[in-house]
Amino acid sequence: MLKGYQSWLFENRPSIAAVGTVVGPFEGRGPLADDFDIIHGDSRLGQDSWEKAERTLLEEAAKLAIENAGLTKEQINFLSGAT
């Protein structure tokens, strides 16, 4: 439940059900390449800005994590993403 303006109080401890990792070519050539789910060859993903490409990367990673958890997006209450 929202407590105040920006703090959340959880009835149950949050947990990580699954992850999804989507990266560009730079990360895909690095030492962790085998650990990524999807490696794109174009850092802009065909978008006209890096910011739009970043949004696409995050959306793909979220969809993968939901699939990997065996859930639907309607079952998700919170999402945490890192860039």
PDB file of N, CA and C in Angstrom:
ATOM      1  N   MET A   1       0.839  -1.160   0.000  1.00  0.00           N
ATOM      2  CA  MET A   1       0.000   0.000   0.000  1.00  0.00           C
ATOM      3  C   MET A   1       0.888   1.227   0.000  1.00  0.00           C
ATOM      4  N   LEU A   2       0.445   2.270  -0.684  1.00  0.00           N
ATOM      5  CA  LEU A   2       1.180   3.527  -0.733  1.00  0.00           C
ATOM      6  C   LEU A   2       1.105   4.183   0.636  1.00  0.00           C
ATOM      7  N   LYS A   3       2.256   4.541   1.156  1.00  0.00           N
ATOM      8  CA  LYS A   3       2.324   5.185   2.465  1.00  0.00           C
ATOM      9  C   LYS A   3       2.990   6.537   2.252  1.00  0.00           C
ATOM     10  N   GLY A   4       2.230   7.590   2.350  1.00  0.00           N
ATOM     11  CA  GLY A   4       2.752   8.914   2.034  1.00  0.00           C
ATOM     12  C   GLY A   4       2.639   9.155   0.541  1.00  0.00           C
ATOM     13  N   TYR A   5       3.620   9.869   0.003  1.00  0.00           N
ATOM     14  CA  TYR A   5       3.575  10.227  -1.420  1.00  0.00           C
ATOM     15  C   TYR A   5       4.417   9.326  -2.319  1.00  0.00           C
ATOM     16  N   GLN A   6       5.458   8.707  -1.748  1.00  0.00           N
ATOM     17  CA  GLN A   6       6.346   7.931  -2.608  1.00  0.00           C
ATOM     18  C   GLN A   6       6.907   6.676  -1.956  1.00  0.00           C
ATOM     19  N   SER A   7       6.408   6.316  -0.819  1.00  0.00           N
ATOM     20  CA  SER A   7       6.886   5.115  -0.130  1.00  0.00           C
ATOM     21  C   SER A   7       5.820   4.040  -0.149  1.00  0.00           C
ATOM     22  N   TRP A   8       6.288   2.797  -0.261  1.00  0.00           N
ATOM     23  CA  TRP A   8       5.369   1.666  -0.302  1.00  0.00           C
ATOM     24  C   TRP A   8       5.631   0.759   0.890  1.00  0.00           C
ATOM     25  N   LEU A   9       4.559   0.273   1.467  1.00  0.00           N
ATOM     26  CA  LEU A   9       4.629  -0.683   2.553  1.00  0.00           C
ATOM     27  C   LEU A   9       3.996  -1.976   2.044  1.00  0.00           C
ATOM     28  N   PHE A  10       4.781  -3.056   2.021  1.00  0.00           N
ATOM     29  CA  PHE A  10       4.309  -4.325   1.479  1.00  0.00           C
ATOM     30  C   PHE A  10       3.798  -5.233   2.581  1.00  0.00           C
ATOM     31  N   GLU A  11       2.676  -5.876   2.333  1.00  0.00           N
ATOM     32  CA  GLU A  11       2.136  -6.851   3.275  1.00  0.00           C
ATOM     33  C   GLU A  11       3.054  -8.068   3.357  1.00  0.00           C
ATOM     34  N   ASN A  12       3.565  -8.490   2.208  1.00  0.00           N
ATOM     35  CA  ASN A  12       4.508  -9.610   2.117  1.00  0.00           C
ATOM     36  C   ASN A  12       5.815  -9.094   1.535  1.00  0.00           C
ATOM     37  N   ARG A  13       6.905  -9.755   1.873  1.00  0.00           N
ATOM     38  CA  ARG A  13       8.204  -9.349   1.341  1.00  0.00           C
ATOM     39  C   ARG A  13       8.223  -9.483  -0.180  1.00  0.00           C
ATOM     40  N   PRO A  14       8.688  -8.456  -0.873  1.00  0.00           N
ATOM     41  CA  PRO A  14       8.838  -8.570  -2.333  1.00  0.00           C
ATOM     42  C   PRO A  14       9.890  -9.621  -2.670  1.00  0.00           C
ATOM     43  N   SER A  15       9.753 -10.238  -3.819  1.00  0.00           N
ATOM     44  CA  SER A  15      10.748 -11.201  -4.276  1.00  0.00           C
ATOM     45  C   SER A  15      10.931 -11.063  -5.778  1.00  0.00           C
ATOM     46  N   ILE A  16      12.048 -11.558  -6.245  1.00  0.00           N
ATOM     47  CA  ILE A  16      12.327 -11.556  -7.682  1.00  0.00           C
ATOM     48  C   ILE A  16      11.891 -12.906  -8.223  1.00  0.00           C
ATOM     49  N   ALA A  17      10.872 -12.881  -9.075  1.00  0.00           N
ATOM     50  CA  ALA A  17      10.334 -14.117  -9.637  1.00  0.00           C
ATOM     51  C   ALA A  17      11.133 -14.566 -10.859  1.00  0.00           C
ATOM     52  N   ALA A  18      11.654 -13.611 -11.617  1.00  0.00           N
ATOM     53  CA  ALA A  18      12.396 -13.942 -12.835  1.00  0.00           C
ATOM     54  C   ALA A  18      13.069 -12.677 -13.350  1.00  0.00           C
ATOM     55  N   VAL A  19      13.977 -12.857 -14.280  1.00  0.00           N
ATOM     56  CA  VAL A  19      14.646 -11.727 -14.929  1.00  0.00           C
ATOM     57  C   VAL A  19      14.613 -11.922 -16.436  1.00  0.00           C
ATOM     58  N   GLY A  20      14.846 -10.836 -17.146  1.00  0.00           N
ATOM     59  CA  GLY A  20      15.008 -10.862 -18.589  1.00  0.00           C
ATOM     60  C   GLY A  20      16.114  -9.881 -18.930  1.00  0.00           C
ATOM     61  N   THR A  21      17.065 -10.298 -19.739  1.00  0.00           N
ATOM     62  CA  THR A  21      18.192  -9.426 -20.066  1.00  0.00           C
ATOM     63  C   THR A  21      18.278  -9.216 -21.568  1.00  0.00           C
ATOM     64  N   VAL A  22      18.270  -7.952 -21.960  1.00  0.00           N
ATOM     65  CA  VAL A  22      18.336  -7.568 -23.369  1.00  0.00           C
ATOM     66  C   VAL A  22      19.382  -6.467 -23.483  1.00  0.00           C
ATOM     67  N   VAL A  23      20.338  -6.647 -24.371  1.00  0.00           N
ATOM     68  CA  VAL A  23      21.453  -5.704 -24.484  1.00  0.00           C
ATOM     69  C   VAL A  23      21.760  -5.388 -25.944  1.00  0.00           C
ATOM     70  N   GLY A  24      22.615  -4.402 -26.099  1.00  0.00           N
ATOM     71  CA  GLY A  24      23.092  -4.018 -27.420  1.00  0.00           C
ATOM     72  C   GLY A  24      24.381  -4.725 -27.771  1.00  0.00           C
ATOM     73  N   PRO A  25      24.972  -4.358 -28.902  1.00  0.00           N
ATOM     74  CA  PRO A  25      26.161  -5.061 -29.387  1.00  0.00           C
ATOM     75  C   PRO A  25      27.396  -4.911 -28.507  1.00  0.00           C
ATOM     76  N   PHE A  26      27.560  -3.774 -27.856  1.00  0.00           N
ATOM     77  CA  PHE A  26      28.741  -3.569 -27.008  1.00  0.00           C
ATOM     78  C   PHE A  26      28.762  -4.581 -25.873  1.00  0.00           C
ATOM     79  N   GLU A  27      27.635  -4.678 -25.145  1.00  0.00           N
ATOM     80  CA  GLU A  27      27.554  -5.646 -24.049  1.00  0.00           C
ATOM     81  C   GLU A  27      27.620  -7.073 -24.571  1.00  0.00           C
ATOM     82  N   GLY A  28      27.065  -7.286 -25.769  1.00  0.00           N
ATOM     83  CA  GLY A  28      27.040  -8.609 -26.369  1.00  0.00           C
ATOM     84  C   GLY A  28      28.406  -9.136 -26.762  1.00  0.00           C
ATOM     85  N   ARG A  29      29.382  -8.249 -26.863  1.00  0.00           N
ATOM     86  CA  ARG A  29      30.754  -8.659 -27.172  1.00  0.00           C
ATOM     87  C   ARG A  29      31.595  -8.821 -25.910  1.00  0.00           C
ATOM     88  N   GLY A  30      31.010  -8.549 -24.758  1.00  0.00           N
ATOM     89  CA  GLY A  30      31.758  -8.590 -23.506  1.00  0.00           C
ATOM     90  C   GLY A  30      31.816  -9.969 -22.882  1.00  0.00           C
ATOM     91  N   PRO A  31      32.432 -10.064 -21.716  1.00  0.00           N
ATOM     92  CA  PRO A  31      32.637 -11.353 -21.050  1.00  0.00           C
ATOM     93  C   PRO A  31      31.351 -12.007 -20.538  1.00  0.00           C
ATOM     94  N   LEU A  32      30.267 -11.250 -20.447  1.00  0.00           N
ATOM     95  CA  LEU A  32      28.994 -11.807 -19.957  1.00  0.00           C
ATOM     96  C   LEU A  32      28.035 -12.160 -21.085  1.00  0.00           C
ATOM     97  N   ALA A  33      28.512 -12.143 -22.301  1.00  0.00           N
ATOM     98  CA  ALA A  33      27.645 -12.348 -23.465  1.00  0.00           C
ATOM     99  C   ALA A  33      26.768 -13.596 -23.356  1.00  0.00           C
ATOM    100  N   ASP A  34      27.293 -14.667 -22.826  1.00  0.00           N
ATOM    101  CA  ASP A  34      26.525 -15.915 -22.731  1.00  0.00           C
ATOM    102  C   ASP A  34      25.394 -15.837 -21.711  1.00  0.00           C
ATOM    103  N   ASP A  35      25.409 -14.820 -20.867  1.00  0.00           N
ATOM    104  CA  ASP A  35      24.393 -14.690 -19.819  1.00  0.00           C
ATOM    105  C   ASP A  35      23.184 -13.862 -20.242  1.00  0.00           C
ATOM    106  N   PHE A  36      23.222 -13.210 -21.399  1.00  0.00           N
ATOM    107  CA  PHE A  36      22.120 -12.363 -21.849  1.00  0.00           C
ATOM    108  C   PHE A  36      21.103 -13.177 -22.645  1.00  0.00           C
ATOM    109  N   ASP A  37      19.830 -12.811 -22.472  1.00  0.00           N
ATOM    110  CA  ASP A  37      18.766 -13.498 -23.214  1.00  0.00           C
ATOM    111  C   ASP A  37      18.741 -13.074 -24.682  1.00  0.00           C
ATOM    112  N   ILE A  38      18.843 -11.779 -24.919  1.00  0.00           N
ATOM    113  CA  ILE A  38      18.806 -11.245 -26.288  1.00  0.00           C
ATOM    114  C   ILE A  38      19.933 -10.244 -26.448  1.00  0.00           C
ATOM    115  N   ILE A  39      20.672 -10.371 -27.548  1.00  0.00           N
ATOM    116  CA  ILE A  39      21.729  -9.414 -27.890  1.00  0.00           C
ATOM    117  C   ILE A  39      21.376  -8.817 -29.256  1.00  0.00           C
ATOM    118  N   HIS A  40      21.144  -7.531 -29.276  1.00  0.00           N
ATOM    119  CA  HIS A  40      20.836  -6.842 -30.535  1.00  0.00           C
ATOM    120  C   HIS A  40      22.127  -6.419 -31.218  1.00  0.00           C
ATOM    121  N   GLY A  41      22.152  -6.451 -32.524  1.00  0.00           N
ATOM    122  CA  GLY A  41      23.323  -6.060 -33.297  1.00  0.00           C
ATOM    123  C   GLY A  41      23.407  -4.575 -33.545  1.00  0.00           C
ATOM    124  N   ASP A  42      22.307  -3.850 -33.355  1.00  0.00           N
ATOM    125  CA  ASP A  42      22.238  -2.408 -33.606  1.00  0.00           C
ATOM    126  C   ASP A  42      21.909  -1.715 -32.286  1.00  0.00           C
ATOM    127  N   SER A  43      22.791  -0.838 -31.825  1.00  0.00           N
ATOM    128  CA  SER A  43      22.571  -0.201 -30.523  1.00  0.00           C
ATOM    129  C   SER A  43      21.368   0.737 -30.518  1.00  0.00           C
ATOM    130  N   ARG A  44      20.915   1.159 -31.681  1.00  0.00           N
ATOM    131  CA  ARG A  44      19.717   2.000 -31.747  1.00  0.00           C
ATOM    132  C   ARG A  44      18.464   1.198 -32.094  1.00  0.00           C
ATOM    133  N   LEU A  45      18.604  -0.071 -32.366  1.00  0.00           N
ATOM    134  CA  LEU A  45      17.469  -0.949 -32.674  1.00  0.00           C
ATOM    135  C   LEU A  45      16.577  -0.403 -33.778  1.00  0.00           C
ATOM    136  N   GLY A  46      17.169   0.327 -34.708  1.00  0.00           N
ATOM    137  CA  GLY A  46      16.404   0.899 -35.805  1.00  0.00           C
ATOM    138  C   GLY A  46      15.603   2.130 -35.432  1.00  0.00           C
ATOM    139  N   GLN A  47      15.740   2.595 -34.200  1.00  0.00           N
ATOM    140  CA  GLN A  47      15.014   3.780 -33.729  1.00  0.00           C
ATOM    141  C   GLN A  47      15.783   5.040 -34.129  1.00  0.00           C
ATOM    142  N   ASP A  48      15.110   6.189 -34.063  1.00  0.00           N
ATOM    143  CA  ASP A  48      15.774   7.432 -34.445  1.00  0.00           C
ATOM    144  C   ASP A  48      16.499   8.115 -33.290  1.00  0.00           C
ATOM    145  N   SER A  49      16.455   7.540 -32.105  1.00  0.00           N
ATOM    146  CA  SER A  49      17.218   8.081 -30.980  1.00  0.00           C
ATOM    147  C   SER A  49      17.599   6.947 -30.040  1.00  0.00           C
ATOM    148  N   TRP A  50      18.655   7.198 -29.262  1.00  0.00           N
ATOM    149  CA  TRP A  50      19.090   6.197 -28.300  1.00  0.00           C
ATOM    150  C   TRP A  50      18.038   6.023 -27.213  1.00  0.00           C
ATOM    151  N   GLU A  51      17.355   7.102 -26.838  1.00  0.00           N
ATOM    152  CA  GLU A  51      16.332   7.028 -25.802  1.00  0.00           C
ATOM    153  C   GLU A  51      15.178   6.111 -26.204  1.00  0.00           C
ATOM    154  N   LYS A  52      14.778   6.166 -27.454  1.00  0.00           N
ATOM    155  CA  LYS A  52      13.715   5.271 -27.939  1.00  0.00           C
ATOM    156  C   LYS A  52      14.199   3.827 -27.965  1.00  0.00           C
ATOM    157  N   ALA A  53      15.460   3.634 -28.307  1.00  0.00           N
ATOM    158  CA  ALA A  53      16.028   2.285 -28.296  1.00  0.00           C
ATOM    159  C   ALA A  53      16.072   1.755 -26.868  1.00  0.00           C
ATOM    160  N   GLU A  54      16.450   2.603 -25.927  1.00  0.00           N
ATOM    161  CA  GLU A  54      16.498   2.195 -24.525  1.00  0.00           C
ATOM    162  C   GLU A  54      15.118   1.771 -24.027  1.00  0.00           C
ATOM    163  N   ARG A  55      14.112   2.501 -24.438  1.00  0.00           N
ATOM    164  CA  ARG A  55      12.737   2.135 -24.064  1.00  0.00           C
ATOM    165  C   ARG A  55      12.390   0.749 -24.605  1.00  0.00           C
ATOM    166  N   THR A  56      12.764   0.490 -25.848  1.00  0.00           N
ATOM    167  CA  THR A  56      12.499  -0.813 -26.456  1.00  0.00           C
ATOM    168  C   THR A  56      13.237  -1.923 -25.709  1.00  0.00           C
ATOM    169  N   LEU A  57      14.497  -1.676 -25.331  1.00  0.00           N
ATOM    170  CA  LEU A  57      15.264  -2.666 -24.566  1.00  0.00           C
ATOM    171  C   LEU A  57      14.561  -2.996 -23.246  1.00  0.00           C
ATOM    172  N   LEU A  58      14.107  -1.976 -22.544  1.00  0.00           N
ATOM    173  CA  LEU A  58      13.436  -2.179 -21.259  1.00  0.00           C
ATOM    174  C   LEU A  58      12.110  -2.927 -21.433  1.00  0.00           C
ATOM    175  N   GLU A  59      11.358  -2.572 -22.475  1.00  0.00           N
ATOM    176  CA  GLU A  59      10.090  -3.267 -22.732  1.00  0.00           C
ATOM    177  C   GLU A  59      10.331  -4.744 -23.038  1.00  0.00           C
ATOM    178  N   GLU A  60      11.338  -5.030 -23.862  1.00  0.00           N
ATOM    179  CA  GLU A  60      11.659  -6.422 -24.197  1.00  0.00           C
ATOM    180  C   GLU A  60      12.098  -7.193 -22.958  1.00  0.00           C
ATOM    181  N   ALA A  61      12.928  -6.567 -22.124  1.00  0.00           N
ATOM    182  CA  ALA A  61      13.402  -7.230 -20.905  1.00  0.00           C
ATOM    183  C   ALA A  61      12.239  -7.509 -19.957  1.00  0.00           C
ATOM    184  N   ALA A  62      11.312  -6.573 -19.836  1.00  0.00           N
ATOM    185  CA  ALA A  62      10.146  -6.775 -18.972  1.00  0.00           C
ATOM    186  C   ALA A  62       9.279  -7.912 -19.483  1.00  0.00           C
ATOM    187  N   LYS A  63       9.026  -7.943 -20.778  1.00  0.00           N
ATOM    188  CA  LYS A  63       8.227  -9.031 -21.361  1.00  0.00           C
ATOM    189  C   LYS A  63       8.895 -10.386 -21.136  1.00  0.00           C
ATOM    190  N   LEU A  64      10.211 -10.442 -21.317  1.00  0.00           N
ATOM    191  CA  LEU A  64      10.950 -11.685 -21.092  1.00  0.00           C
ATOM    192  C   LEU A  64      10.859 -12.141 -19.639  1.00  0.00           C
ATOM    193  N   ALA A  65      11.030 -11.204 -18.717  1.00  0.00           N
ATOM    194  CA  ALA A  65      10.970 -11.551 -17.298  1.00  0.00           C
ATOM    195  C   ALA A  65       9.589 -12.097 -16.937  1.00  0.00           C
ATOM    196  N   ILE A  66       8.549 -11.487 -17.466  1.00  0.00           N
ATOM    197  CA  ILE A  66       7.180 -11.958 -17.202  1.00  0.00           C
ATOM    198  C   ILE A  66       6.993 -13.358 -17.767  1.00  0.00           C
ATOM    199  N   GLU A  67       7.464 -13.577 -18.993  1.00  0.00           N
ATOM    200  CA  GLU A  67       7.379 -14.911 -19.606  1.00  0.00           C
ATOM    201  C   GLU A  67       8.185 -15.930 -18.803  1.00  0.00           C
ATOM    202  N   ASN A  68       9.401 -15.555 -18.410  1.00  0.00           N
ATOM    203  CA  ASN A  68      10.269 -16.462 -17.658  1.00  0.00           C
ATOM    204  C   ASN A  68       9.672 -16.837 -16.307  1.00  0.00           C
ATOM    205  N   ALA A  69       8.850 -15.958 -15.752  1.00  0.00           N
ATOM    206  CA  ALA A  69       8.200 -16.232 -14.470  1.00  0.00           C
ATOM    207  C   ALA A  69       6.922 -17.048 -14.647  1.00  0.00           C
ATOM    208  N   GLY A  70       6.484 -17.213 -15.902  1.00  0.00           N
ATOM    209  CA  GLY A  70       5.240 -17.932 -16.157  1.00  0.00           C
ATOM    210  C   GLY A  70       4.017 -17.140 -15.719  1.00  0.00           C
ATOM    211  N   LEU A  71       4.115 -15.820 -15.808  1.00  0.00           N
ATOM    212  CA  LEU A  71       3.023 -14.942 -15.393  1.00  0.00           C
ATOM    213  C   LEU A  71       2.479 -14.163 -16.576  1.00  0.00           C
ATOM    214  N   THR A  72       1.433 -13.401 -16.332  1.00  0.00           N
ATOM    215  CA  THR A  72       0.914 -12.456 -17.316  1.00  0.00           C
ATOM    216  C   THR A  72       1.176 -11.053 -16.780  1.00  0.00           C
ATOM    217  N   LYS A  73       1.161 -10.067 -17.663  1.00  0.00           N
ATOM    218  CA  LYS A  73       1.441  -8.704 -17.204  1.00  0.00           C
ATOM    219  C   LYS A  73       0.393  -8.218 -16.207  1.00  0.00           C
ATOM    220  N   GLU A  74      -0.799  -8.759 -16.264  1.00  0.00           N
ATOM    221  CA  GLU A  74      -1.846  -8.370 -15.318  1.00  0.00           C
ATOM    222  C   GLU A  74      -1.548  -8.848 -13.895  1.00  0.00           C
ATOM    223  N   GLN A  75      -0.686  -9.835 -13.767  1.00  0.00           N
ATOM    224  CA  GLN A  75      -0.333 -10.369 -12.456  1.00  0.00           C
ATOM    225  C   GLN A  75       0.835  -9.620 -11.796  1.00  0.00           C
ATOM    226  N   ILE A  76       1.408  -8.661 -12.501  1.00  0.00           N
ATOM    227  CA  ILE A  76       2.557  -7.937 -12.003  1.00  0.00           C
ATOM    228  C   ILE A  76       2.099  -6.674 -11.278  1.00  0.00           C
ATOM    229  N   ASN A  77       2.610  -6.478 -10.061  1.00  0.00           N
ATOM    230  CA  ASN A  77       2.264  -5.287  -9.298  1.00  0.00           C
ATOM    231  C   ASN A  77       3.337  -4.211  -9.406  1.00  0.00           C
ATOM    232  N   PHE A  78       4.607  -4.620  -9.436  1.00  0.00           N
ATOM    233  CA  PHE A  78       5.721  -3.676  -9.489  1.00  0.00           C
ATOM    234  C   PHE A  78       6.778  -4.218 -10.437  1.00  0.00           C
ATOM    235  N   LEU A  79       7.507  -3.277 -11.034  1.00  0.00           N
ATOM    236  CA  LEU A  79       8.591  -3.630 -11.943  1.00  0.00           C
ATOM    237  C   LEU A  79       9.786  -2.754 -11.603  1.00  0.00           C
ATOM    238  N   SER A  80      10.938  -3.365 -11.534  1.00  0.00           N
ATOM    239  CA  SER A  80      12.169  -2.630 -11.310  1.00  0.00           C
ATOM    240  C   SER A  80      13.105  -2.917 -12.466  1.00  0.00           C
ATOM    241  N   GLY A  81      13.599  -1.879 -13.081  1.00  0.00           N
ATOM    242  CA  GLY A  81      14.501  -2.058 -14.213  1.00  0.00           C
ATOM    243  C   GLY A  81      15.806  -1.328 -13.972  1.00  0.00           C
ATOM    244  N   ALA A  82      16.858  -1.856 -14.499  1.00  0.00           N
ATOM    245  CA  ALA A  82      18.163  -1.216 -14.393  1.00  0.00           C
ATOM    246  C   ALA A  82      18.736  -1.028 -15.782  1.00  0.00           C
ATOM    247  N   THR A  83      19.421   0.053 -15.964  1.00  0.00           N
ATOM    248  CA  THR A  83      20.046   0.312 -17.257  1.00  0.00           C
ATOM    249  C   THR A  83      21.522   0.496 -17.102  1.00  0.00           C
TER     250      THR A  83
END
